[in-house]
Amino acid sequence: MKSPFLSLLVAMSKNRVIGKNNRLPWHLPEDLKHFKTLTMGHPIIMGRKTHESIGKVLPGRTNIIVTRQKNYTIPSAIVVDSIQSAFAAGFEKNSAENEAFVIGGEEIFRQTLAFSRRIYLTEIQKKFDGDTFFPELNSQEWHETERTIHFSEGIDQLEYHLITLDRKTPSSI
């Protein structure tokens, strides 16, 4: 069996925005389908605000919610108080799975970036106003392994790129 690893899954605009007022500032159904395809059957790790913005436990995945709030409970989810506890819960409960996904928000991404091996990035080719941002990436640590260009359906025809970034090995830096 492959050793478990952590991946970040994020959609962001050209100016690194990932949210505004605890919501996505765009409507991109195609990306939501991509998200579901990638995460189905895998543990997903998120902050409390991200969970609350989704509004429900996502079916077919182990939902792990990180919060500092004492006595915070969500039926059908695992609630933990630290990233380390989230890692343990994600890989202990899903020992057959080799990949867990961090799905937000900003603070959770910042705390897990150093531990992640892969980033699945939806880069929306437009700038948006927002109050939540994805951290800057060090190009010495990451390399792009895949990119596909897409356009949303409908009137807006929003261009977005599905990008996979893998962490470089220490010897290649």
C-alpha atoms as a PDB file:
ATOM      1  CA  MET A   1       0.000   0.000   0.000  1.00  0.00           C
ATOM      2  CA  LYS A   2       1.212   3.524  -0.795  1.00  0.00           C
ATOM      3  CA  SER A   3       2.001   5.757   2.138  1.00  0.00           C
ATOM      4  CA  PRO A   4      -0.730   8.305   2.931  1.00  0.00           C
ATOM      5  CA  PHE A   5      -0.354  11.856   1.754  1.00  0.00           C
ATOM      6  CA  LEU A   6      -2.095  15.179   2.027  1.00  0.00           C
ATOM      7  CA  SER A   7      -3.359  17.211  -0.914  1.00  0.00           C
ATOM      8  CA  LEU A   8      -4.787  20.716  -0.970  1.00  0.00           C
ATOM      9  CA  LEU A   9      -7.830  21.318  -3.163  1.00  0.00           C
ATOM     10  CA  VAL A  10      -8.533  24.963  -3.868  1.00  0.00           C
ATOM     11  CA  ALA A  11     -10.201  27.283  -6.357  1.00  0.00           C
ATOM     12  CA  MET A  12      -8.785  30.782  -6.514  1.00  0.00           C
ATOM     13  CA  SER A  13      -8.903  33.844  -8.719  1.00  0.00           C
ATOM     14  CA  LYS A  14      -5.931  35.471 -10.465  1.00  0.00           C
ATOM     15  CA  ASN A  15      -5.462  37.690  -7.378  1.00  0.00           C
ATOM     16  CA  ARG A  16      -5.461  34.656  -4.997  1.00  0.00           C
ATOM     17  CA  VAL A  17      -9.006  35.259  -3.685  1.00  0.00           C
ATOM     18  CA  ILE A  18     -10.713  32.105  -2.390  1.00  0.00           C
ATOM     19  CA  GLY A  19     -13.717  33.682  -0.687  1.00  0.00           C
ATOM     20  CA  LYS A  20     -15.749  36.711   0.249  1.00  0.00           C
ATOM     21  CA  ASN A  21     -18.113  36.869   3.225  1.00  0.00           C
ATOM     22  CA  ASN A  22     -17.673  33.104   3.752  1.00  0.00           C
ATOM     23  CA  ARG A  23     -18.836  32.347   0.196  1.00  0.00           C
ATOM     24  CA  LEU A  24     -17.261  31.672  -3.175  1.00  0.00           C
ATOM     25  CA  PRO A  25     -17.315  34.905  -5.207  1.00  0.00           C
ATOM     26  CA  TRP A  26     -18.065  32.996  -8.440  1.00  0.00           C
ATOM     27  CA  HIS A  27     -20.478  30.347  -9.652  1.00  0.00           C
ATOM     28  CA  LEU A  28     -18.674  27.506 -11.403  1.00  0.00           C
ATOM     29  CA  PRO A  29     -20.736  24.262 -11.397  1.00  0.00           C
ATOM     30  CA  GLU A  30     -18.100  22.467 -13.486  1.00  0.00           C
ATOM     31  CA  ASP A  31     -15.520  22.999 -10.730  1.00  0.00           C
ATOM     32  CA  LEU A  32     -17.925  21.669  -8.093  1.00  0.00           C
ATOM     33  CA  LYS A  33     -18.247  18.479 -10.162  1.00  0.00           C
ATOM     34  CA  HIS A  34     -14.436  18.284 -10.359  1.00  0.00           C
ATOM     35  CA  PHE A  35     -14.258  18.724  -6.566  1.00  0.00           C
ATOM     36  CA  LYS A  36     -16.751  15.912  -6.017  1.00  0.00           C
ATOM     37  CA  THR A  37     -14.934  13.554  -8.408  1.00  0.00           C
ATOM     38  CA  LEU A  38     -11.579  14.112  -6.693  1.00  0.00           C
ATOM     39  CA  THR A  39     -12.777  13.874  -3.098  1.00  0.00           C
ATOM     40  CA  MET A  40     -15.405  11.124  -3.236  1.00  0.00           C
ATOM     41  CA  GLY A  41     -14.410   8.283  -0.920  1.00  0.00           C
ATOM     42  CA  HIS A  42     -11.553  10.257   0.640  1.00  0.00           C
ATOM     43  CA  PRO A  43     -11.275  12.141   3.923  1.00  0.00           C
ATOM     44  CA  ILE A  44     -11.713  15.912   3.628  1.00  0.00           C
ATOM     45  CA  ILE A  45     -10.284  18.316   6.192  1.00  0.00           C
ATOM     46  CA  MET A  46     -11.737  21.791   6.604  1.00  0.00           C
ATOM     47  CA  GLY A  47     -12.080  24.615   9.053  1.00  0.00           C
ATOM     48  CA  ARG A  48     -15.336  25.330  10.856  1.00  0.00           C
ATOM     49  CA  LYS A  49     -16.135  28.371   8.713  1.00  0.00           C
ATOM     50  CA  THR A  50     -15.657  26.347   5.529  1.00  0.00           C
ATOM     51  CA  HIS A  51     -17.998  23.675   6.855  1.00  0.00           C
ATOM     52  CA  GLU A  52     -20.581  26.310   7.769  1.00  0.00           C
ATOM     53  CA  SER A  53     -20.310  27.911   4.315  1.00  0.00           C
ATOM     54  CA  ILE A  54     -21.017  24.511   2.721  1.00  0.00           C
ATOM     55  CA  GLY A  55     -23.920  24.088   5.116  1.00  0.00           C
ATOM     56  CA  LYS A  56     -23.895  20.299   5.408  1.00  0.00           C
ATOM     57  CA  VAL A  57     -21.722  17.226   5.770  1.00  0.00           C
ATOM     58  CA  LEU A  58     -20.596  16.152   2.299  1.00  0.00           C
ATOM     59  CA  PRO A  59     -21.749  12.587   1.630  1.00  0.00           C
ATOM     60  CA  GLY A  60     -19.392   9.806   0.578  1.00  0.00           C
ATOM     61  CA  ARG A  61     -16.427  11.355   2.383  1.00  0.00           C
ATOM     62  CA  THR A  62     -15.177  11.446   5.956  1.00  0.00           C
ATOM     63  CA  ASN A  63     -15.709  15.095   6.934  1.00  0.00           C
ATOM     64  CA  ILE A  64     -13.124  16.330   9.438  1.00  0.00           C
ATOM     65  CA  ILE A  65     -13.736  19.795  10.872  1.00  0.00           C
ATOM     66  CA  VAL A  66     -11.012  21.719  12.701  1.00  0.00           C
ATOM     67  CA  THR A  67     -12.187  24.304  15.225  1.00  0.00           C
ATOM     68  CA  ARG A  68     -11.057  25.998  18.413  1.00  0.00           C
ATOM     69  CA  GLN A  69     -14.656  26.118  19.640  1.00  0.00           C
ATOM     70  CA  LYS A  70     -15.221  23.819  22.600  1.00  0.00           C
ATOM     71  CA  ASN A  71     -18.268  21.529  22.443  1.00  0.00           C
ATOM     72  CA  TYR A  72     -18.716  22.088  18.685  1.00  0.00           C
ATOM     73  CA  THR A  73     -20.390  18.979  17.290  1.00  0.00           C
ATOM     74  CA  ILE A  74     -21.705  18.052  13.882  1.00  0.00           C
ATOM     75  CA  PRO A  75     -23.535  14.746  13.450  1.00  0.00           C
ATOM     76  CA  SER A  76     -21.790  12.467  10.912  1.00  0.00           C
ATOM     77  CA  ALA A  77     -18.560  14.491  11.067  1.00  0.00           C
ATOM     78  CA  ILE A  78     -15.365  14.252  13.072  1.00  0.00           C
ATOM     79  CA  VAL A  79     -14.643  17.473  14.979  1.00  0.00           C
ATOM     80  CA  VAL A  80     -11.067  18.072  16.156  1.00  0.00           C
ATOM     81  CA  ASP A  81      -9.160  20.942  17.725  1.00  0.00           C
ATOM     82  CA  SER A  82      -5.886  20.767  15.774  1.00  0.00           C
ATOM     83  CA  ILE A  83      -4.392  19.995  12.386  1.00  0.00           C
ATOM     84  CA  GLN A  84      -2.433  17.116  13.896  1.00  0.00           C
ATOM     85  CA  SER A  85      -5.662  15.575  15.209  1.00  0.00           C
ATOM     86  CA  ALA A  86      -7.235  16.055  11.778  1.00  0.00           C
ATOM     87  CA  PHE A  87      -4.346  14.176  10.122  1.00  0.00           C
ATOM     88  CA  ALA A  88      -4.646  11.337  12.616  1.00  0.00           C
ATOM     89  CA  ALA A  89      -8.417  11.125  12.150  1.00  0.00           C
ATOM     90  CA  GLY A  90      -8.169  11.239   8.380  1.00  0.00           C
ATOM     91  CA  PHE A  91      -5.655   8.481   8.001  1.00  0.00           C
ATOM     92  CA  GLU A  92      -6.652   6.320  10.985  1.00  0.00           C
ATOM     93  CA  LYS A  93     -10.322   6.078  10.042  1.00  0.00           C
ATOM     94  CA  ASN A  94      -9.491   5.602   6.355  1.00  0.00           C
ATOM     95  CA  SER A  95      -6.469   3.335   6.499  1.00  0.00           C
ATOM     96  CA  ALA A  96      -7.275   1.974   3.031  1.00  0.00           C
ATOM     97  CA  GLU A  97      -7.133   5.478   1.537  1.00  0.00           C
ATOM     98  CA  ASN A  98      -3.795   6.986   0.683  1.00  0.00           C
ATOM     99  CA  GLU A  99      -4.871  10.590   0.066  1.00  0.00           C
ATOM    100  CA  ALA A 100      -6.712  13.110   2.235  1.00  0.00           C
ATOM    101  CA  PHE A 101      -7.816  16.510   0.960  1.00  0.00           C
ATOM    102  CA  VAL A 102      -7.655  19.872   2.706  1.00  0.00           C
ATOM    103  CA  ILE A 103     -10.488  21.998   1.317  1.00  0.00           C
ATOM    104  CA  GLY A 104     -10.118  25.268   3.236  1.00  0.00           C
ATOM    105  CA  GLY A 105     -10.252  27.884   4.479  1.00  0.00           C
ATOM    106  CA  GLU A 106      -7.374  30.307   4.449  1.00  0.00           C
ATOM    107  CA  GLU A 107      -5.988  29.511   7.908  1.00  0.00           C
ATOM    108  CA  ILE A 108      -6.257  25.736   7.406  1.00  0.00           C
ATOM    109  CA  PHE A 109      -4.454  26.060   4.058  1.00  0.00           C
ATOM    110  CA  ARG A 110      -1.675  28.064   5.751  1.00  0.00           C
ATOM    111  CA  GLN A 111      -1.294  25.461   8.492  1.00  0.00           C
ATOM    112  CA  THR A 112      -1.210  22.473   6.127  1.00  0.00           C
ATOM    113  CA  LEU A 113       0.747  23.791   3.142  1.00  0.00           C
ATOM    114  CA  ALA A 114       4.090  22.622   4.558  1.00  0.00           C
ATOM    115  CA  PHE A 115       2.730  19.077   5.031  1.00  0.00           C
ATOM    116  CA  SER A 116       1.080  18.702   1.635  1.00  0.00           C
ATOM    117  CA  ARG A 117       2.472  16.725  -1.246  1.00  0.00           C
ATOM    118  CA  ARG A 118       0.082  17.875  -3.977  1.00  0.00           C
ATOM    119  CA  ILE A 119      -2.150  20.840  -4.814  1.00  0.00           C
ATOM    120  CA  TYR A 120      -5.175  20.541  -7.068  1.00  0.00           C
ATOM    121  CA  LEU A 121      -5.720  24.133  -8.115  1.00  0.00           C
ATOM    122  CA  THR A 122      -8.592  25.625 -10.061  1.00  0.00           C
ATOM    123  CA  GLU A 123      -7.210  28.953 -11.212  1.00  0.00           C
ATOM    124  CA  ILE A 124      -9.961  31.268 -12.373  1.00  0.00           C
ATOM    125  CA  GLN A 125      -8.578  33.618 -14.993  1.00  0.00           C
ATOM    126  CA  LYS A 126     -10.222  36.721 -13.556  1.00  0.00           C
ATOM    127  CA  LYS A 127      -9.666  38.928 -10.519  1.00  0.00           C
ATOM    128  CA  PHE A 128     -12.351  38.978  -7.837  1.00  0.00           C
ATOM    129  CA  ASP A 129     -12.944  41.116  -4.776  1.00  0.00           C
ATOM    130  CA  GLY A 130     -12.555  39.045  -1.628  1.00  0.00           C
ATOM    131  CA  ASP A 131     -11.549  38.833   2.010  1.00  0.00           C
ATOM    132  CA  THR A 132      -9.989  35.349   2.047  1.00  0.00           C
ATOM    133  CA  PHE A 133      -6.836  34.423   0.132  1.00  0.00           C
ATOM    134  CA  PHE A 134      -4.770  31.361  -0.729  1.00  0.00           C
ATOM    135  CA  PRO A 135      -1.149  31.615   0.493  1.00  0.00           C
ATOM    136  CA  GLU A 136       1.650  32.473  -1.919  1.00  0.00           C
ATOM    137  CA  LEU A 137       3.472  29.428  -3.223  1.00  0.00           C
ATOM    138  CA  ASN A 138       7.233  29.167  -3.405  1.00  0.00           C
ATOM    139  CA  SER A 139       8.061  28.175  -6.998  1.00  0.00           C
ATOM    140  CA  GLN A 140      11.224  26.470  -5.698  1.00  0.00           C
ATOM    141  CA  GLU A 141       9.033  23.978  -3.813  1.00  0.00           C
ATOM    142  CA  TRP A 142       6.354  23.170  -6.420  1.00  0.00           C
ATOM    143  CA  HIS A 143       6.221  22.130 -10.043  1.00  0.00           C
ATOM    144  CA  GLU A 144       3.266  21.929 -12.361  1.00  0.00           C
ATOM    145  CA  THR A 145       2.553  18.412 -13.582  1.00  0.00           C
ATOM    146  CA  GLU A 146      -0.742  19.009 -15.367  1.00  0.00           C
ATOM    147  CA  ARG A 147      -2.853  21.880 -16.734  1.00  0.00           C
ATOM    148  CA  THR A 148      -6.072  21.819 -18.695  1.00  0.00           C
ATOM    149  CA  ILE A 149      -7.905  24.928 -19.889  1.00  0.00           C
ATOM    150  CA  HIS A 150     -11.688  25.143 -19.610  1.00  0.00           C
ATOM    151  CA  PHE A 151     -14.499  27.638 -20.119  1.00  0.00           C
ATOM    152  CA  SER A 152     -17.647  27.687 -18.045  1.00  0.00           C
ATOM    153  CA  GLU A 153     -21.005  27.213 -19.665  1.00  0.00           C
ATOM    154  CA  GLY A 154     -23.532  30.019 -19.768  1.00  0.00           C
ATOM    155  CA  ILE A 155     -23.362  33.721 -20.475  1.00  0.00           C
ATOM    156  CA  ASP A 156     -20.205  34.598 -18.534  1.00  0.00           C
ATOM    157  CA  GLN A 157     -17.845  32.089 -20.242  1.00  0.00           C
ATOM    158  CA  LEU A 158     -15.426  32.199 -17.328  1.00  0.00           C
ATOM    159  CA  GLU A 159     -12.014  30.777 -18.227  1.00  0.00           C
ATOM    160  CA  TYR A 160     -10.452  28.517 -15.619  1.00  0.00           C
ATOM    161  CA  HIS A 161      -7.449  26.191 -15.531  1.00  0.00           C
ATOM    162  CA  LEU A 162      -7.334  22.884 -13.677  1.00  0.00           C
ATOM    163  CA  ILE A 163      -3.749  22.596 -12.468  1.00  0.00           C
ATOM    164  CA  THR A 164      -1.939  19.882 -10.537  1.00  0.00           C
ATOM    165  CA  LEU A 165       1.152  20.934  -8.597  1.00  0.00           C
ATOM    166  CA  ASP A 166       3.456  18.409  -6.965  1.00  0.00           C
ATOM    167  CA  ARG A 167       6.020  19.180  -4.312  1.00  0.00           C
ATOM    168  CA  LYS A 168       9.578  18.961  -5.613  1.00  0.00           C
ATOM    169  CA  THR A 169      11.845  16.521  -3.861  1.00  0.00           C
ATOM    170  CA  PRO A 170      14.490  18.156  -1.674  1.00  0.00           C
ATOM    171  CA  SER A 171      17.220  17.054  -4.095  1.00  0.00           C
ATOM    172  CA  SER A 172      15.624  18.966  -6.979  1.00  0.00           C
ATOM    173  CA  ILE A 173      15.514  22.339  -5.222  1.00  0.00           C
END
